[in-house]
Amino acid sequence: MNTISSLETTDLPAAYHIEQRAHAFPWSEKTFASNQGERYLNFQLTQNGKMAGVCDYASGAG
């Protein structure tokens, strides 16, 4: 079963592991962690109880 839910601080190690595998030039762990919080919408896809993907969206003020 697939589930989409909010990415929590406790999920960051697993999410960063996906970041490293998914990109030839991944963000640093510090940059990745700094792109969390109220200005960002961060989600995870869980497949059969295991994180399978992440999505980060930054909202900016105009």
PDB file of N, CA and C in Angstrom:
ATOM      1  N   MET A   1       0.835  -1.180   0.000  1.00  0.00           N
ATOM      2  CA  MET A   1       0.000   0.000   0.000  1.00  0.00           C
ATOM      3  C   MET A   1       0.884   1.249   0.000  1.00  0.00           C
ATOM      4  N   ASN A   2       0.518   2.236  -0.784  1.00  0.00           N
ATOM      5  CA  ASN A   2       1.241   3.508  -0.856  1.00  0.00           C
ATOM      6  C   ASN A   2       0.530   4.559  -0.014  1.00  0.00           C
ATOM      7  N   THR A   3       1.321   5.335   0.728  1.00  0.00           N
ATOM      8  CA  THR A   3       0.781   6.391   1.569  1.00  0.00           C
ATOM      9  C   THR A   3       1.626   7.644   1.397  1.00  0.00           C
ATOM     10  N   ILE A   4       0.974   8.796   1.252  1.00  0.00           N
ATOM     11  CA  ILE A   4       1.668  10.084   1.224  1.00  0.00           C
ATOM     12  C   ILE A   4       1.375  10.781   2.540  1.00  0.00           C
ATOM     13  N   SER A   5       2.446  11.234   3.207  1.00  0.00           N
ATOM     14  CA  SER A   5       2.287  11.913   4.490  1.00  0.00           C
ATOM     15  C   SER A   5       3.353  12.992   4.635  1.00  0.00           C
ATOM     16  N   SER A   6       3.199  13.808   5.653  1.00  0.00           N
ATOM     17  CA  SER A   6       4.178  14.864   5.921  1.00  0.00           C
ATOM     18  C   SER A   6       5.512  14.252   6.321  1.00  0.00           C
ATOM     19  N   LEU A   7       6.577  14.911   5.907  1.00  0.00           N
ATOM     20  CA  LEU A   7       7.920  14.508   6.304  1.00  0.00           C
ATOM     21  C   LEU A   7       8.217  15.158   7.648  1.00  0.00           C
ATOM     22  N   GLU A   8       8.554  14.365   8.633  1.00  0.00           N
ATOM     23  CA  GLU A   8       8.841  14.853   9.979  1.00  0.00           C
ATOM     24  C   GLU A   8      10.353  14.897  10.198  1.00  0.00           C
ATOM     25  N   THR A   9      10.774  15.625  11.202  1.00  0.00           N
ATOM     26  CA  THR A   9      12.198  15.738  11.519  1.00  0.00           C
ATOM     27  C   THR A   9      12.828  14.367  11.722  1.00  0.00           C
ATOM     28  N   THR A  10      12.104  13.465  12.326  1.00  0.00           N
ATOM     29  CA  THR A  10      12.633  12.121  12.570  1.00  0.00           C
ATOM     30  C   THR A  10      12.826  11.322  11.285  1.00  0.00           C
ATOM     31  N   ASP A  11      12.221  11.781  10.187  1.00  0.00           N
ATOM     32  CA  ASP A  11      12.336  11.100   8.899  1.00  0.00           C
ATOM     33  C   ASP A  11      13.545  11.568   8.086  1.00  0.00           C
ATOM     34  N   LEU A  12      14.225  12.625   8.538  1.00  0.00           N
ATOM     35  CA  LEU A  12      15.290  13.231   7.738  1.00  0.00           C
ATOM     36  C   LEU A  12      16.430  12.280   7.379  1.00  0.00           C
ATOM     37  N   PRO A  13      16.906  11.418   8.266  1.00  0.00           N
ATOM     38  CA  PRO A  13      17.988  10.514   7.854  1.00  0.00           C
ATOM     39  C   PRO A  13      17.601   9.624   6.667  1.00  0.00           C
ATOM     40  N   ALA A  14      16.414   9.051   6.701  1.00  0.00           N
ATOM     41  CA  ALA A  14      15.964   8.207   5.594  1.00  0.00           C
ATOM     42  C   ALA A  14      15.739   9.036   4.335  1.00  0.00           C
ATOM     43  N   ALA A  15      15.186  10.237   4.490  1.00  0.00           N
ATOM     44  CA  ALA A  15      14.950  11.114   3.342  1.00  0.00           C
ATOM     45  C   ALA A  15      16.273  11.547   2.714  1.00  0.00           C
ATOM     46  N   TYR A  16      17.264  11.837   3.542  1.00  0.00           N
ATOM     47  CA  TYR A  16      18.566  12.243   3.011  1.00  0.00           C
ATOM     48  C   TYR A  16      19.245  11.079   2.291  1.00  0.00           C
ATOM     49  N   HIS A  17      19.030   9.883   2.764  1.00  0.00           N
ATOM     50  CA  HIS A  17      19.575   8.709   2.073  1.00  0.00           C
ATOM     51  C   HIS A  17      18.993   8.623   0.654  1.00  0.00           C
ATOM     52  N   ILE A  18      17.705   8.898   0.512  1.00  0.00           N
ATOM     53  CA  ILE A  18      17.071   8.921  -0.814  1.00  0.00           C
ATOM     54  C   ILE A  18      17.659  10.054  -1.647  1.00  0.00           C
ATOM     55  N   GLU A  19      17.853  11.228  -1.047  1.00  0.00           N
ATOM     56  CA  GLU A  19      18.464  12.372  -1.736  1.00  0.00           C
ATOM     57  C   GLU A  19      19.814  11.981  -2.335  1.00  0.00           C
ATOM     58  N   GLN A  20      20.619  11.276  -1.575  1.00  0.00           N
ATOM     59  CA  GLN A  20      21.946  10.879  -2.043  1.00  0.00           C
ATOM     60  C   GLN A  20      21.870   9.883  -3.194  1.00  0.00           C
ATOM     61  N   ARG A  21      20.924   8.971  -3.142  1.00  0.00           N
ATOM     62  CA  ARG A  21      20.799   7.963  -4.197  1.00  0.00           C
ATOM     63  C   ARG A  21      20.160   8.524  -5.457  1.00  0.00           C
ATOM     64  N   ALA A  22      19.315   9.549  -5.316  1.00  0.00           N
ATOM     65  CA  ALA A  22      18.513  10.038  -6.437  1.00  0.00           C
ATOM     66  C   ALA A  22      19.211  11.087  -7.300  1.00  0.00           C
ATOM     67  N   HIS A  23      20.274  11.699  -6.798  1.00  0.00           N
ATOM     68  CA  HIS A  23      20.901  12.808  -7.512  1.00  0.00           C
ATOM     69  C   HIS A  23      22.398  12.581  -7.702  1.00  0.00           C
ATOM     70  N   ALA A  24      22.894  12.929  -8.878  1.00  0.00           N
ATOM     71  CA  ALA A  24      24.333  12.841  -9.134  1.00  0.00           C
ATOM     72  C   ALA A  24      25.099  13.813  -8.242  1.00  0.00           C
ATOM     73  N   PHE A  25      24.494  14.956  -7.955  1.00  0.00           N
ATOM     74  CA  PHE A  25      25.108  15.977  -7.102  1.00  0.00           C
ATOM     75  C   PHE A  25      24.097  16.376  -6.019  1.00  0.00           C
ATOM     76  N   PRO A  26      23.916  15.521  -5.007  1.00  0.00           N
ATOM     77  CA  PRO A  26      22.912  15.809  -3.975  1.00  0.00           C
ATOM     78  C   PRO A  26      23.300  16.998  -3.119  1.00  0.00           C
ATOM     79  N   TRP A  27      22.289  17.591  -2.498  1.00  0.00           N
ATOM     80  CA  TRP A  27      22.541  18.658  -1.532  1.00  0.00           C
ATOM     81  C   TRP A  27      23.373  18.103  -0.385  1.00  0.00           C
ATOM     82  N   SER A  28      24.060  18.981   0.307  1.00  0.00           N
ATOM     83  CA  SER A  28      24.746  18.566   1.530  1.00  0.00           C
ATOM     84  C   SER A  28      23.681  18.242   2.579  1.00  0.00           C
ATOM     85  N   GLU A  29      24.071  17.505   3.586  1.00  0.00           N
ATOM     86  CA  GLU A  29      23.118  17.164   4.642  1.00  0.00           C
ATOM     87  C   GLU A  29      22.610  18.424   5.342  1.00  0.00           C
ATOM     88  N   LYS A  30      23.496  19.405   5.511  1.00  0.00           N
ATOM     89  CA  LYS A  30      23.112  20.667   6.157  1.00  0.00           C
ATOM     90  C   LYS A  30      22.084  21.423   5.308  1.00  0.00           C
ATOM     91  N   THR A  31      22.320  21.517   3.999  1.00  0.00           N
ATOM     92  CA  THR A  31      21.378  22.197   3.105  1.00  0.00           C
ATOM     93  C   THR A  31      20.045  21.461   3.071  1.00  0.00           C
ATOM     94  N   PHE A  32      20.107  20.146   2.983  1.00  0.00           N
ATOM     95  CA  PHE A  32      18.885  19.349   2.960  1.00  0.00           C
ATOM     96  C   PHE A  32      18.058  19.596   4.218  1.00  0.00           C
ATOM     97  N   ALA A  33      18.701  19.574   5.378  1.00  0.00           N
ATOM     98  CA  ALA A  33      17.999  19.781   6.648  1.00  0.00           C
ATOM     99  C   ALA A  33      17.444  21.197   6.764  1.00  0.00           C
ATOM    100  N   SER A  34      18.139  22.176   6.162  1.00  0.00           N
ATOM    101  CA  SER A  34      17.675  23.564   6.267  1.00  0.00           C
ATOM    102  C   SER A  34      16.452  23.838   5.388  1.00  0.00           C
ATOM    103  N   ASN A  35      16.150  22.936   4.473  1.00  0.00           N
ATOM    104  CA  ASN A  35      14.983  23.094   3.613  1.00  0.00           C
ATOM    105  C   ASN A  35      13.775  22.356   4.184  1.00  0.00           C
ATOM    106  N   GLN A  36      13.607  22.466   5.472  1.00  0.00           N
ATOM    107  CA  GLN A  36      12.482  21.906   6.205  1.00  0.00           C
ATOM    108  C   GLN A  36      11.903  23.044   7.042  1.00  0.00           C
ATOM    109  N   GLY A  37      10.681  22.919   7.456  1.00  0.00           N
ATOM    110  CA  GLY A  37      10.094  23.939   8.324  1.00  0.00           C
ATOM    111  C   GLY A  37       8.861  24.571   7.721  1.00  0.00           C
ATOM    112  N   GLU A  38       8.425  25.671   8.331  1.00  0.00           N
ATOM    113  CA  GLU A  38       7.129  26.255   7.971  1.00  0.00           C
ATOM    114  C   GLU A  38       7.086  26.859   6.573  1.00  0.00           C
ATOM    115  N   ARG A  39       8.228  27.240   5.994  1.00  0.00           N
ATOM    116  CA  ARG A  39       8.236  27.801   4.636  1.00  0.00           C
ATOM    117  C   ARG A  39       8.203  26.712   3.567  1.00  0.00           C
ATOM    118  N   TYR A  40       8.253  25.469   3.981  1.00  0.00           N
ATOM    119  CA  TYR A  40       8.368  24.361   3.043  1.00  0.00           C
ATOM    120  C   TYR A  40       7.248  23.353   3.258  1.00  0.00           C
ATOM    121  N   LEU A  41       6.825  22.745   2.175  1.00  0.00           N
ATOM    122  CA  LEU A  41       5.914  21.607   2.239  1.00  0.00           C
ATOM    123  C   LEU A  41       6.756  20.385   1.897  1.00  0.00           C
ATOM    124  N   ASN A  42       6.882  19.473   2.818  1.00  0.00           N
ATOM    125  CA  ASN A  42       7.721  18.297   2.635  1.00  0.00           C
ATOM    126  C   ASN A  42       6.888  17.044   2.865  1.00  0.00           C
ATOM    127  N   PHE A  43       6.910  16.172   1.887  1.00  0.00           N
ATOM    128  CA  PHE A  43       6.112  14.956   1.948  1.00  0.00           C
ATOM    129  C   PHE A  43       6.982  13.739   1.707  1.00  0.00           C
ATOM    130  N   GLN A  44       6.457  12.609   2.143  1.00  0.00           N
ATOM    131  CA  GLN A  44       7.119  11.346   1.868  1.00  0.00           C
ATOM    132  C   GLN A  44       6.109  10.364   1.294  1.00  0.00           C
ATOM    133  N   LEU A  45       6.601   9.512   0.429  1.00  0.00           N
ATOM    134  CA  LEU A  45       5.817   8.399  -0.082  1.00  0.00           C
ATOM    135  C   LEU A  45       6.308   7.162   0.646  1.00  0.00           C
ATOM    136  N   THR A  46       5.395   6.487   1.315  1.00  0.00           N
ATOM    137  CA  THR A  46       5.724   5.253   2.007  1.00  0.00           C
ATOM    138  C   THR A  46       5.069   4.110   1.252  1.00  0.00           C
ATOM    139  N   GLN A  47       5.860   3.094   0.963  1.00  0.00           N
ATOM    140  CA  GLN A  47       5.363   1.936   0.228  1.00  0.00           C
ATOM    141  C   GLN A  47       5.577   0.703   1.102  1.00  0.00           C
ATOM    142  N   ASN A  48       4.490   0.076   1.477  1.00  0.00           N
ATOM    143  CA  ASN A  48       4.554  -1.093   2.357  1.00  0.00           C
ATOM    144  C   ASN A  48       5.362  -0.815   3.622  1.00  0.00           C
ATOM    145  N   GLY A  49       5.147   0.362   4.213  1.00  0.00           N
ATOM    146  CA  GLY A  49       5.782   0.719   5.471  1.00  0.00           C
ATOM    147  C   GLY A  49       7.199   1.234   5.374  1.00  0.00           C
ATOM    148  N   LYS A  50       7.738   1.388   4.155  1.00  0.00           N
ATOM    149  CA  LYS A  50       9.113   1.860   3.981  1.00  0.00           C
ATOM    150  C   LYS A  50       9.116   3.115   3.106  1.00  0.00           C
ATOM    151  N   MET A  51       9.898   4.127   3.513  1.00  0.00           N
ATOM    152  CA  MET A  51       9.973   5.355   2.726  1.00  0.00           C
ATOM    153  C   MET A  51      10.535   5.035   1.337  1.00  0.00           C
ATOM    154  N   ALA A  52       9.793   5.451   0.312  1.00  0.00           N
ATOM    155  CA  ALA A  52      10.193   5.169  -1.063  1.00  0.00           C
ATOM    156  C   ALA A  52      10.513   6.433  -1.851  1.00  0.00           C
ATOM    157  N   GLY A  53      10.099   7.602  -1.356  1.00  0.00           N
ATOM    158  CA  GLY A  53      10.365   8.848  -2.062  1.00  0.00           C
ATOM    159  C   GLY A  53      10.029  10.045  -1.203  1.00  0.00           C
ATOM    160  N   VAL A  54      10.562  11.193  -1.611  1.00  0.00           N
ATOM    161  CA  VAL A  54      10.303  12.447  -0.901  1.00  0.00           C
ATOM    162  C   VAL A  54      10.018  13.552  -1.908  1.00  0.00           C
ATOM    163  N   CYS A  55       9.302  14.572  -1.452  1.00  0.00           N
ATOM    164  CA  CYS A  55       8.989  15.731  -2.269  1.00  0.00           C
ATOM    165  C   CYS A  55       9.111  16.963  -1.388  1.00  0.00           C
ATOM    166  N   ASP A  56       9.868  17.946  -1.853  1.00  0.00           N
ATOM    167  CA  ASP A  56      10.051  19.195  -1.116  1.00  0.00           C
ATOM    168  C   ASP A  56       9.563  20.346  -1.981  1.00  0.00           C
ATOM    169  N   TYR A  57       8.791  21.249  -1.387  1.00  0.00           N
ATOM    170  CA  TYR A  57       8.290  22.413  -2.096  1.00  0.00           C
ATOM    171  C   TYR A  57       8.509  23.636  -1.224  1.00  0.00           C
ATOM    172  N   ALA A  58       9.161  24.634  -1.770  1.00  0.00           N
ATOM    173  CA  ALA A  58       9.398  25.882  -1.035  1.00  0.00           C
ATOM    174  C   ALA A  58       8.414  26.935  -1.509  1.00  0.00           C
ATOM    175  N   SER A  59       7.749  27.579  -0.571  1.00  0.00           N
ATOM    176  CA  SER A  59       6.858  28.678  -0.924  1.00  0.00           C
ATOM    177  C   SER A  59       7.569  29.983  -0.613  1.00  0.00           C
ATOM    178  N   GLY A  60       7.457  30.915  -1.522  1.00  0.00           N
ATOM    179  CA  GLY A  60       8.122  32.195  -1.328  1.00  0.00           C
ATOM    180  C   GLY A  60       7.124  33.332  -1.294  1.00  0.00           C
ATOM    181  N   ALA A  61       7.467  34.367  -0.584  1.00  0.00           N
ATOM    182  CA  ALA A  61       6.621  35.556  -0.530  1.00  0.00           C
ATOM    183  C   ALA A  61       6.905  36.417  -1.748  1.00  0.00           C
ATOM    184  N   GLY A  62       5.862  37.012  -2.310  1.00  0.00           N
ATOM    185  CA  GLY A  62       6.017  37.812  -3.508  1.00  0.00           C
ATOM    186  C   GLY A  62       6.186  39.190  -3.164  1.00  0.00           C
TER     187      GLY A  62
END
